[in-house]
PDB file of N, CA and C in Angstrom:
ATOM      1  N   MET A   1       0.842  -1.178   0.000  1.00  0.00           N
ATOM      2  CA  MET A   1       0.000   0.000   0.000  1.00  0.00           C
ATOM      3  C   MET A   1       0.897   1.255   0.000  1.00  0.00           C
ATOM      4  N   GLU A   2       0.551   2.220  -0.835  1.00  0.00           N
ATOM      5  CA  GLU A   2       1.339   3.441  -0.962  1.00  0.00           C
ATOM      6  C   GLU A   2       1.065   4.390   0.204  1.00  0.00           C
ATOM      7  N   ASN A   3       2.111   4.988   0.717  1.00  0.00           N
ATOM      8  CA  ASN A   3       2.005   5.985   1.774  1.00  0.00           C
ATOM      9  C   ASN A   3       1.438   7.261   1.156  1.00  0.00           C
ATOM     10  N   ILE A   4       0.436   7.864   1.800  1.00  0.00           N
ATOM     11  CA  ILE A   4      -0.189   9.070   1.257  1.00  0.00           C
ATOM     12  C   ILE A   4       0.821  10.189   1.053  1.00  0.00           C
ATOM     13  N   PHE A   5       1.830  10.252   1.890  1.00  0.00           N
ATOM     14  CA  PHE A   5       2.828  11.317   1.784  1.00  0.00           C
ATOM     15  C   PHE A   5       3.728  11.150   0.558  1.00  0.00           C
ATOM     16  N   ASP A   6       3.750   9.952  -0.023  1.00  0.00           N
ATOM     17  CA  ASP A   6       4.496   9.749  -1.266  1.00  0.00           C
ATOM     18  C   ASP A   6       3.845  10.508  -2.420  1.00  0.00           C
ATOM     19  N   LEU A   7       2.565  10.813  -2.292  1.00  0.00           N
ATOM     20  CA  LEU A   7       1.835  11.537  -3.334  1.00  0.00           C
ATOM     21  C   LEU A   7       1.934  13.062  -3.183  1.00  0.00           C
ATOM     22  N   LEU A   8       2.478  13.511  -2.074  1.00  0.00           N
ATOM     23  CA  LEU A   8       2.540  14.934  -1.762  1.00  0.00           C
ATOM     24  C   LEU A   8       3.436  15.699  -2.741  1.00  0.00           C
ATOM     25  N   THR A   9       2.899  16.786  -3.270  1.00  0.00           N
ATOM     26  CA  THR A   9       3.674  17.669  -4.137  1.00  0.00           C
ATOM     27  C   THR A   9       3.550  19.095  -3.616  1.00  0.00           C
ATOM     28  N   GLU A  10       4.361  19.992  -4.139  1.00  0.00           N
ATOM     29  CA  GLU A  10       4.349  21.384  -3.698  1.00  0.00           C
ATOM     30  C   GLU A  10       2.968  22.014  -3.862  1.00  0.00           C
ATOM     31  N   SER A  11       2.248  21.634  -4.897  1.00  0.00           N
ATOM     32  CA  SER A  11       0.926  22.229  -5.137  1.00  0.00           C
ATOM     33  C   SER A  11      -0.100  21.840  -4.062  1.00  0.00           C
ATOM     34  N   ASP A  12       0.196  20.804  -3.274  1.00  0.00           N
ATOM     35  CA  ASP A  12      -0.698  20.387  -2.190  1.00  0.00           C
ATOM     36  C   ASP A  12      -0.478  21.202  -0.913  1.00  0.00           C
ATOM     37  N   LEU A  13       0.603  21.935  -0.846  1.00  0.00           N
ATOM     38  CA  LEU A  13       1.003  22.584   0.395  1.00  0.00           C
ATOM     39  C   LEU A  13       0.331  23.940   0.611  1.00  0.00           C
ATOM     40  N   THR A  14       0.124  24.254   1.892  1.00  0.00           N
ATOM     41  CA  THR A  14      -0.366  25.570   2.287  1.00  0.00           C
ATOM     42  C   THR A  14       0.803  26.563   2.181  1.00  0.00           C
ATOM     43  N   PRO A  15       0.512  27.862   2.211  1.00  0.00           N
ATOM     44  CA  PRO A  15       1.617  28.842   2.147  1.00  0.00           C
ATOM     45  C   PRO A  15       2.674  28.641   3.240  1.00  0.00           C
ATOM     46  N   ASP A  16       2.247  28.336   4.467  1.00  0.00           N
ATOM     47  CA  ASP A  16       3.213  28.098   5.555  1.00  0.00           C
ATOM     48  C   ASP A  16       4.089  26.888   5.257  1.00  0.00           C
ATOM     49  N   LEU A  17       3.491  25.828   4.746  1.00  0.00           N
ATOM     50  CA  LEU A  17       4.270  24.626   4.442  1.00  0.00           C
ATOM     51  C   LEU A  17       5.203  24.854   3.254  1.00  0.00           C
ATOM     52  N   LYS A  18       4.821  25.752   2.342  1.00  0.00           N
ATOM     53  CA  LYS A  18       5.715  26.085   1.227  1.00  0.00           C
ATOM     54  C   LYS A  18       6.962  26.805   1.734  1.00  0.00           C
ATOM     55  N   ILE A  19       6.808  27.602   2.771  1.00  0.00           N
ATOM     56  CA  ILE A  19       7.987  28.245   3.378  1.00  0.00           C
ATOM     57  C   ILE A  19       8.908  27.176   3.949  1.00  0.00           C
ATOM     58  N   LEU A  20       8.326  26.205   4.670  1.00  0.00           N
ATOM     59  CA  LEU A  20       9.140  25.100   5.208  1.00  0.00           C
ATOM     60  C   LEU A  20       9.813  24.322   4.083  1.00  0.00           C
ATOM     61  N   LEU A  21       9.092  24.116   3.004  1.00  0.00           N
ATOM     62  CA  LEU A  21       9.648  23.407   1.856  1.00  0.00           C
ATOM     63  C   LEU A  21      10.877  24.136   1.327  1.00  0.00           C
ATOM     64  N   ASP A  22      10.771  25.452   1.173  1.00  0.00           N
ATOM     65  CA  ASP A  22      11.891  26.241   0.659  1.00  0.00           C
ATOM     66  C   ASP A  22      13.100  26.193   1.585  1.00  0.00           C
ATOM     67  N   VAL A  23      12.849  26.164   2.888  1.00  0.00           N
ATOM     68  CA  VAL A  23      13.941  26.197   3.860  1.00  0.00           C
ATOM     69  C   VAL A  23      14.489  24.804   4.160  1.00  0.00           C
ATOM     70  N   CYS A  24      13.589  23.820   4.282  1.00  0.00           N
ATOM     71  CA  CYS A  24      13.991  22.506   4.804  1.00  0.00           C
ATOM     72  C   CYS A  24      13.923  21.358   3.792  1.00  0.00           C
ATOM     73  N   GLY A  25      13.166  21.521   2.734  1.00  0.00           N
ATOM     74  CA  GLY A  25      13.033  20.450   1.762  1.00  0.00           C
ATOM     75  C   GLY A  25      11.798  19.596   1.979  1.00  0.00           C
ATOM     76  N   MET A  26      11.420  18.869   0.933  1.00  0.00           N
ATOM     77  CA  MET A  26      10.185  18.083   0.937  1.00  0.00           C
ATOM     78  C   MET A  26      10.199  16.956   1.966  1.00  0.00           C
ATOM     79  N   GLU A  27      11.337  16.297   2.157  1.00  0.00           N
ATOM     80  CA  GLU A  27      11.378  15.187   3.116  1.00  0.00           C
ATOM     81  C   GLU A  27      11.079  15.674   4.534  1.00  0.00           C
ATOM     82  N   THR A  28      11.603  16.841   4.885  1.00  0.00           N
ATOM     83  CA  THR A  28      11.329  17.409   6.204  1.00  0.00           C
ATOM     84  C   THR A  28       9.858  17.779   6.333  1.00  0.00           C
ATOM     85  N   VAL A  29       9.280  18.360   5.290  1.00  0.00           N
ATOM     86  CA  VAL A  29       7.852  18.698   5.302  1.00  0.00           C
ATOM     87  C   VAL A  29       7.026  17.427   5.515  1.00  0.00           C
ATOM     88  N   LYS A  30       7.373  16.375   4.843  1.00  0.00           N
ATOM     89  CA  LYS A  30       6.648  15.102   5.005  1.00  0.00           C
ATOM     90  C   LYS A  30       6.773  14.579   6.437  1.00  0.00           C
ATOM     91  N   LEU A  31       7.970  14.657   6.998  1.00  0.00           N
ATOM     92  CA  LEU A  31       8.168  14.207   8.383  1.00  0.00           C
ATOM     93  C   LEU A  31       7.345  15.035   9.360  1.00  0.00           C
ATOM     94  N   ILE A  32       7.307  16.338   9.144  1.00  0.00           N
ATOM     95  CA  ILE A  32       6.522  17.215  10.018  1.00  0.00           C
ATOM     96  C   ILE A  32       5.041  16.876   9.904  1.00  0.00           C
ATOM     97  N   LEU A  33       4.553  16.712   8.685  1.00  0.00           N
ATOM     98  CA  LEU A  33       3.137  16.365   8.499  1.00  0.00           C
ATOM     99  C   LEU A  33       2.804  15.016   9.132  1.00  0.00           C
ATOM    100  N   LYS A  34       3.696  14.066   8.991  1.00  0.00           N
ATOM    101  CA  LYS A  34       3.459  12.725   9.522  1.00  0.00           C
ATOM    102  C   LYS A  34       3.513  12.702  11.051  1.00  0.00           C
ATOM    103  N   ASN A  35       4.485  13.400  11.640  1.00  0.00           N
ATOM    104  CA  ASN A  35       4.720  13.292  13.079  1.00  0.00           C
ATOM    105  C   ASN A  35       4.123  14.410  13.923  1.00  0.00           C
ATOM    106  N   LEU A  36       3.838  15.548  13.307  1.00  0.00           N
ATOM    107  CA  LEU A  36       3.326  16.693  14.066  1.00  0.00           C
ATOM    108  C   LEU A  36       2.003  17.194  13.482  1.00  0.00           C
ATOM    109  N   ASN A  37       1.273  16.314  12.854  1.00  0.00           N
ATOM    110  CA  ASN A  37       0.006  16.635  12.202  1.00  0.00           C
ATOM    111  C   ASN A  37      -0.937  17.409  13.127  1.00  0.00           C
ATOM    112  N   GLY A  38      -1.343  18.599  12.698  1.00  0.00           N
ATOM    113  CA  GLY A  38      -2.293  19.401  13.462  1.00  0.00           C
ATOM    114  C   GLY A  38      -1.689  20.279  14.539  1.00  0.00           C
ATOM    115  N   LEU A  39      -0.409  20.165  14.768  1.00  0.00           N
ATOM    116  CA  LEU A  39       0.257  20.942  15.811  1.00  0.00           C
ATOM    117  C   LEU A  39       0.558  22.351  15.316  1.00  0.00           C
ATOM    118  N   ASN A  40       0.200  23.345  16.103  1.00  0.00           N
ATOM    119  CA  ASN A  40       0.563  24.728  15.792  1.00  0.00           C
ATOM    120  C   ASN A  40       1.910  25.007  16.417  1.00  0.00           C
ATOM    121  N   ILE A  41       2.817  25.529  15.615  1.00  0.00           N
ATOM    122  CA  ILE A  41       4.175  25.798  16.091  1.00  0.00           C
ATOM    123  C   ILE A  41       4.468  27.279  15.939  1.00  0.00           C
ATOM    124  N   TYR A  42       5.004  27.866  17.001  1.00  0.00           N
ATOM    125  CA  TYR A  42       5.456  29.253  16.974  1.00  0.00           C
ATOM    126  C   TYR A  42       6.972  29.231  16.899  1.00  0.00           C
ATOM    127  N   VAL A  43       7.513  29.917  15.933  1.00  0.00           N
ATOM    128  CA  VAL A  43       8.966  29.993  15.803  1.00  0.00           C
ATOM    129  C   VAL A  43       9.385  31.378  16.292  1.00  0.00           C
ATOM    130  N   PRO A  44      10.031  31.432  17.455  1.00  0.00           N
ATOM    131  CA  PRO A  44      10.381  32.735  18.035  1.00  0.00           C
ATOM    132  C   PRO A  44      11.520  33.411  17.282  1.00  0.00           C
ATOM    133  N   GLY A  45      11.566  34.718  17.415  1.00  0.00           N
ATOM    134  CA  GLY A  45      12.697  35.463  16.888  1.00  0.00           C
ATOM    135  C   GLY A  45      13.866  35.359  17.851  1.00  0.00           C
ATOM    136  N   ILE A  46      15.013  35.736  17.389  1.00  0.00           N
ATOM    137  CA  ILE A  46      16.231  35.683  18.201  1.00  0.00           C
ATOM    138  C   ILE A  46      16.046  36.399  19.536  1.00  0.00           C
ATOM    139  N   ALA A  47      15.307  37.494  19.538  1.00  0.00           N
ATOM    140  CA  ALA A  47      15.128  38.284  20.763  1.00  0.00           C
ATOM    141  C   ALA A  47      14.401  37.517  21.867  1.00  0.00           C
ATOM    142  N   HIS A  48      13.827  36.362  21.548  1.00  0.00           N
ATOM    143  CA  HIS A  48      13.150  35.545  22.555  1.00  0.00           C
ATOM    144  C   HIS A  48      14.020  34.377  23.023  1.00  0.00           C
ATOM    145  N   LEU A  49      15.240  34.334  22.558  1.00  0.00           N
ATOM    146  CA  LEU A  49      16.164  33.258  22.934  1.00  0.00           C
ATOM    147  C   LEU A  49      17.338  33.858  23.715  1.00  0.00           C
ATOM    148  N   ASP A  50      17.009  34.376  24.894  1.00  0.00           N
ATOM    149  CA  ASP A  50      17.983  35.117  25.707  1.00  0.00           C
ATOM    150  C   ASP A  50      19.294  34.374  25.922  1.00  0.00           C
ATOM    151  N   THR A  51      19.230  33.118  26.305  1.00  0.00           N
ATOM    152  CA  THR A  51      20.479  32.408  26.623  1.00  0.00           C
ATOM    153  C   THR A  51      21.357  32.248  25.381  1.00  0.00           C
ATOM    154  N   LEU A  52      20.750  32.061  24.218  1.00  0.00           N
ATOM    155  CA  LEU A  52      21.522  31.972  22.979  1.00  0.00           C
ATOM    156  C   LEU A  52      22.201  33.303  22.672  1.00  0.00           C
ATOM    157  N   VAL A  53      21.460  34.386  22.830  1.00  0.00           N
ATOM    158  CA  VAL A  53      22.027  35.716  22.590  1.00  0.00           C
ATOM    159  C   VAL A  53      23.169  35.987  23.561  1.00  0.00           C
ATOM    160  N   LEU A  54      22.994  35.607  24.820  1.00  0.00           N
ATOM    161  CA  LEU A  54      24.059  35.800  25.809  1.00  0.00           C
ATOM    162  C   LEU A  54      25.317  35.012  25.447  1.00  0.00           C
ATOM    163  N   LYS A  55      25.149  33.785  24.958  1.00  0.00           N
ATOM    164  CA  LYS A  55      26.305  32.986  24.525  1.00  0.00           C
ATOM    165  C   LYS A  55      27.043  33.690  23.390  1.00  0.00           C
ATOM    166  N   TYR A  56      26.271  34.231  22.458  1.00  0.00           N
ATOM    167  CA  TYR A  56      26.853  34.919  21.312  1.00  0.00           C
ATOM    168  C   TYR A  56      27.621  36.159  21.768  1.00  0.00           C
ATOM    169  N   ILE A  57      27.004  36.920  22.677  1.00  0.00           N
ATOM    170  CA  ILE A  57      27.651  38.128  23.206  1.00  0.00           C
ATOM    171  C   ILE A  57      28.966  37.765  23.894  1.00  0.00           C
ATOM    172  N   ARG A  58      28.959  36.695  24.683  1.00  0.00           N
ATOM    173  CA  ARG A  58      30.177  36.278  25.378  1.00  0.00           C
ATOM    174  C   ARG A  58      31.253  35.823  24.396  1.00  0.00           C
ATOM    175  N   LYS A  59      30.833  35.093  23.380  1.00  0.00           N
ATOM    176  CA  LYS A  59      31.796  34.581  22.396  1.00  0.00           C
ATOM    177  C   LYS A  59      32.454  35.719  21.620  1.00  0.00           C
ATOM    178  N   TYR A  60      31.681  36.762  21.346  1.00  0.00           N
ATOM    179  CA  TYR A  60      32.195  37.885  20.567  1.00  0.00           C
ATOM    180  C   TYR A  60      32.266  39.154  21.414  1.00  0.00           C
ATOM    181  N   SER A  61      32.807  39.018  22.599  1.00  0.00           N
ATOM    182  CA  SER A  61      32.873  40.133  23.553  1.00  0.00           C
ATOM    183  C   SER A  61      33.775  41.273  23.085  1.00  0.00           C
ATOM    184  N   ASP A  62      34.588  41.012  22.075  1.00  0.00           N
ATOM    185  CA  ASP A  62      35.464  42.060  21.550  1.00  0.00           C
ATOM    186  C   ASP A  62      34.715  43.032  20.628  1.00  0.00           C
ATOM    187  N   LYS A  63      33.472  42.692  20.262  1.00  0.00           N
ATOM    188  CA  LYS A  63      32.690  43.543  19.363  1.00  0.00           C
ATOM    189  C   LYS A  63      31.883  44.556  20.153  1.00  0.00           C
ATOM    190  N   THR A  64      31.548  45.645  19.490  1.00  0.00           N
ATOM    191  CA  THR A  64      30.737  46.682  20.135  1.00  0.00           C
ATOM    192  C   THR A  64      29.277  46.238  20.188  1.00  0.00           C
ATOM    193  N   THR A  65      28.523  46.895  21.058  1.00  0.00           N
ATOM    194  CA  THR A  65      27.089  46.604  21.151  1.00  0.00           C
ATOM    195  C   THR A  65      26.418  46.880  19.813  1.00  0.00           C
ATOM    196  N   LYS A  66      26.835  47.910  19.151  1.00  0.00           N
ATOM    197  CA  LYS A  66      26.270  48.257  17.838  1.00  0.00           C
ATOM    198  C   LYS A  66      26.521  47.137  16.827  1.00  0.00           C
ATOM    199  N   GLN A  67      27.744  46.611  16.810  1.00  0.00           N
ATOM    200  CA  GLN A  67      28.072  45.511  15.891  1.00  0.00           C
ATOM    201  C   GLN A  67      27.244  44.269  16.202  1.00  0.00           C
ATOM    202  N   LEU A  68      27.169  43.926  17.488  1.00  0.00           N
ATOM    203  CA  LEU A  68      26.408  42.746  17.898  1.00  0.00           C
ATOM    204  C   LEU A  68      24.936  42.892  17.534  1.00  0.00           C
ATOM    205  N   ALA A  69      24.382  44.065  17.805  1.00  0.00           N
ATOM    206  CA  ALA A  69      22.967  44.309  17.499  1.00  0.00           C
ATOM    207  C   ALA A  69      22.707  44.135  16.006  1.00  0.00           C
ATOM    208  N   PHE A  70      23.589  44.671  15.192  1.00  0.00           N
ATOM    209  CA  PHE A  70      23.450  44.554  13.744  1.00  0.00           C
ATOM    210  C   PHE A  70      23.511  43.088  13.309  1.00  0.00           C
ATOM    211  N   GLU A  71      24.490  42.357  13.801  1.00  0.00           N
ATOM    212  CA  GLU A  71      24.661  40.949  13.424  1.00  0.00           C
ATOM    213  C   GLU A  71      23.482  40.088  13.850  1.00  0.00           C
ATOM    214  N   LEU A  72      22.909  40.396  15.011  1.00  0.00           N
ATOM    215  CA  LEU A  72      21.800  39.598  15.535  1.00  0.00           C
ATOM    216  C   LEU A  72      20.433  40.080  15.053  1.00  0.00           C
ATOM    217  N   GLY A  73      20.389  41.243  14.446  1.00  0.00           N
ATOM    218  CA  GLY A  73      19.116  41.773  13.980  1.00  0.00           C
ATOM    219  C   GLY A  73      18.225  42.244  15.118  1.00  0.00           C
ATOM    220  N   VAL A  74      18.844  42.745  16.174  1.00  0.00           N
ATOM    221  CA  VAL A  74      18.115  43.265  17.335  1.00  0.00           C
ATOM    222  C   VAL A  74      18.610  44.687  17.599  1.00  0.00           C
ATOM    223  N   SER A  75      17.943  45.371  18.513  1.00  0.00           N
ATOM    224  CA  SER A  75      18.357  46.735  18.838  1.00  0.00           C
ATOM    225  C   SER A  75      19.450  46.735  19.909  1.00  0.00           C
ATOM    226  N   GLU A  76      20.189  47.831  19.938  1.00  0.00           N
ATOM    227  CA  GLU A  76      21.189  48.000  20.990  1.00  0.00           C
ATOM    228  C   GLU A  76      20.500  48.051  22.353  1.00  0.00           C
ATOM    229  N   THR A  77      19.331  48.683  22.390  1.00  0.00           N
ATOM    230  CA  THR A  77      18.561  48.775  23.636  1.00  0.00           C
ATOM    231  C   THR A  77      18.215  47.385  24.157  1.00  0.00           C
ATOM    232  N   TYR A  78      17.800  46.494  23.270  1.00  0.00           N
ATOM    233  CA  TYR A  78      17.494  45.119  23.679  1.00  0.00           C
ATOM    234  C   TYR A  78      18.720  44.472  24.320  1.00  0.00           C
ATOM    235  N   LEU A  79      19.881  44.634  23.695  1.00  0.00           N
ATOM    236  CA  LEU A  79      21.101  44.014  24.237  1.00  0.00           C
ATOM    237  C   LEU A  79      21.466  44.589  25.593  1.00  0.00           C
ATOM    238  N   LYS A  80      21.315  45.892  25.741  1.00  0.00           N
ATOM    239  CA  LYS A  80      21.627  46.528  27.029  1.00  0.00           C
ATOM    240  C   LYS A  80      20.664  46.060  28.113  1.00  0.00           C
ATOM    241  N   LYS A  81      19.370  45.946  27.773  1.00  0.00           N
ATOM    242  CA  LYS A  81      18.387  45.450  28.749  1.00  0.00           C
ATOM    243  C   LYS A  81      18.664  43.993  29.101  1.00  0.00           C
ATOM    244  N   LEU A  82      19.028  43.214  28.119  1.00  0.00           N
ATOM    245  CA  LEU A  82      19.350  41.803  28.353  1.00  0.00           C
ATOM    246  C   LEU A  82      20.565  41.682  29.271  1.00  0.00           C
ATOM    247  N   GLU A  83      21.564  42.477  28.989  1.00  0.00           N
ATOM    248  CA  GLU A  83      22.774  42.457  29.818  1.00  0.00           C
ATOM    249  C   GLU A  83      22.435  42.825  31.264  1.00  0.00           C
ATOM    250  N   LYS A  84      21.611  43.833  31.434  1.00  0.00           N
ATOM    251  CA  LYS A  84      21.211  44.267  32.783  1.00  0.00           C
ATOM    252  C   LYS A  84      20.374  43.173  33.467  1.00  0.00           C
ATOM    253  N   LYS A  85      19.452  42.585  32.715  1.00  0.00           N
ATOM    254  CA  LYS A  85      18.572  41.540  33.252  1.00  0.00           C
ATOM    255  C   LYS A  85      19.368  40.328  33.739  1.00  0.00           C
ATOM    256  N   TYR A  86      20.415  39.980  32.994  1.00  0.00           N
ATOM    257  CA  TYR A  86      21.188  38.777  33.312  1.00  0.00           C
ATOM    258  C   TYR A  86      22.559  39.098  33.902  1.00  0.00           C
ATOM    259  N   LYS A  87      22.690  40.264  34.469  1.00  0.00           N
ATOM    260  CA  LYS A  87      23.980  40.656  35.046  1.00  0.00           C
ATOM    261  C   LYS A  87      24.477  39.606  36.042  1.00  0.00           C
ATOM    262  N   SER A  88      23.606  39.159  36.921  1.00  0.00           N
ATOM    263  CA  SER A  88      24.006  38.133  37.890  1.00  0.00           C
ATOM    264  C   SER A  88      24.269  36.809  37.190  1.00  0.00           C
ATOM    265  N   PHE A  89      23.567  36.556  36.092  1.00  0.00           N
ATOM    266  CA  PHE A  89      23.777  35.330  35.325  1.00  0.00           C
ATOM    267  C   PHE A  89      25.214  35.281  34.812  1.00  0.00           C
ATOM    268  N   SER A  90      25.669  36.362  34.206  1.00  0.00           N
ATOM    269  CA  SER A  90      27.012  36.349  33.644  1.00  0.00           C
ATOM    270  C   SER A  90      28.085  36.310  34.720  1.00  0.00           C
ATOM    271  N   LYS A  91      27.823  36.897  35.865  1.00  0.00           N
ATOM    272  CA  LYS A  91      28.801  36.835  36.957  1.00  0.00           C
ATOM    273  C   LYS A  91      28.916  35.405  37.487  1.00  0.00           C
ATOM    274  N   ASN A  92      27.781  34.724  37.593  1.00  0.00           N
ATOM    275  CA  ASN A  92      27.765  33.371  38.154  1.00  0.00           C
ATOM    276  C   ASN A  92      28.231  32.310  37.172  1.00  0.00           C
ATOM    277  N   ASN A  93      28.180  32.605  35.873  1.00  0.00           N
ATOM    278  CA  ASN A  93      28.497  31.591  34.875  1.00  0.00           C
ATOM    279  C   ASN A  93      29.680  31.950  34.010  1.00  0.00           C
ATOM    280  N   SER A  94      30.527  32.821  34.463  1.00  0.00           N
ATOM    281  CA  SER A  94      31.709  33.203  33.665  1.00  0.00           C
ATOM    282  C   SER A  94      32.798  32.176  33.780  1.00  0.00           C
TER     283      SER A  94
END
């Protein structure tokens, strides 16, 4: 018996799934449909991944806040607030 997902083509996809297709490929889209059918997924922006941003800031501590903000696609204000928010975090985990 043929798997229904073997019949799947780009023309069957919704606009959101076409974005996934462009980024991840058809096999990934099929896996998502098969394993996460009906699940709504929110993909956060970098500004919602504080610990990742902090790791990046630490790794590139030689760069200015302006440079980091540009590279991460966030504002300098966001980085300064993040630094202030996690000041004790960086002291405890340096």
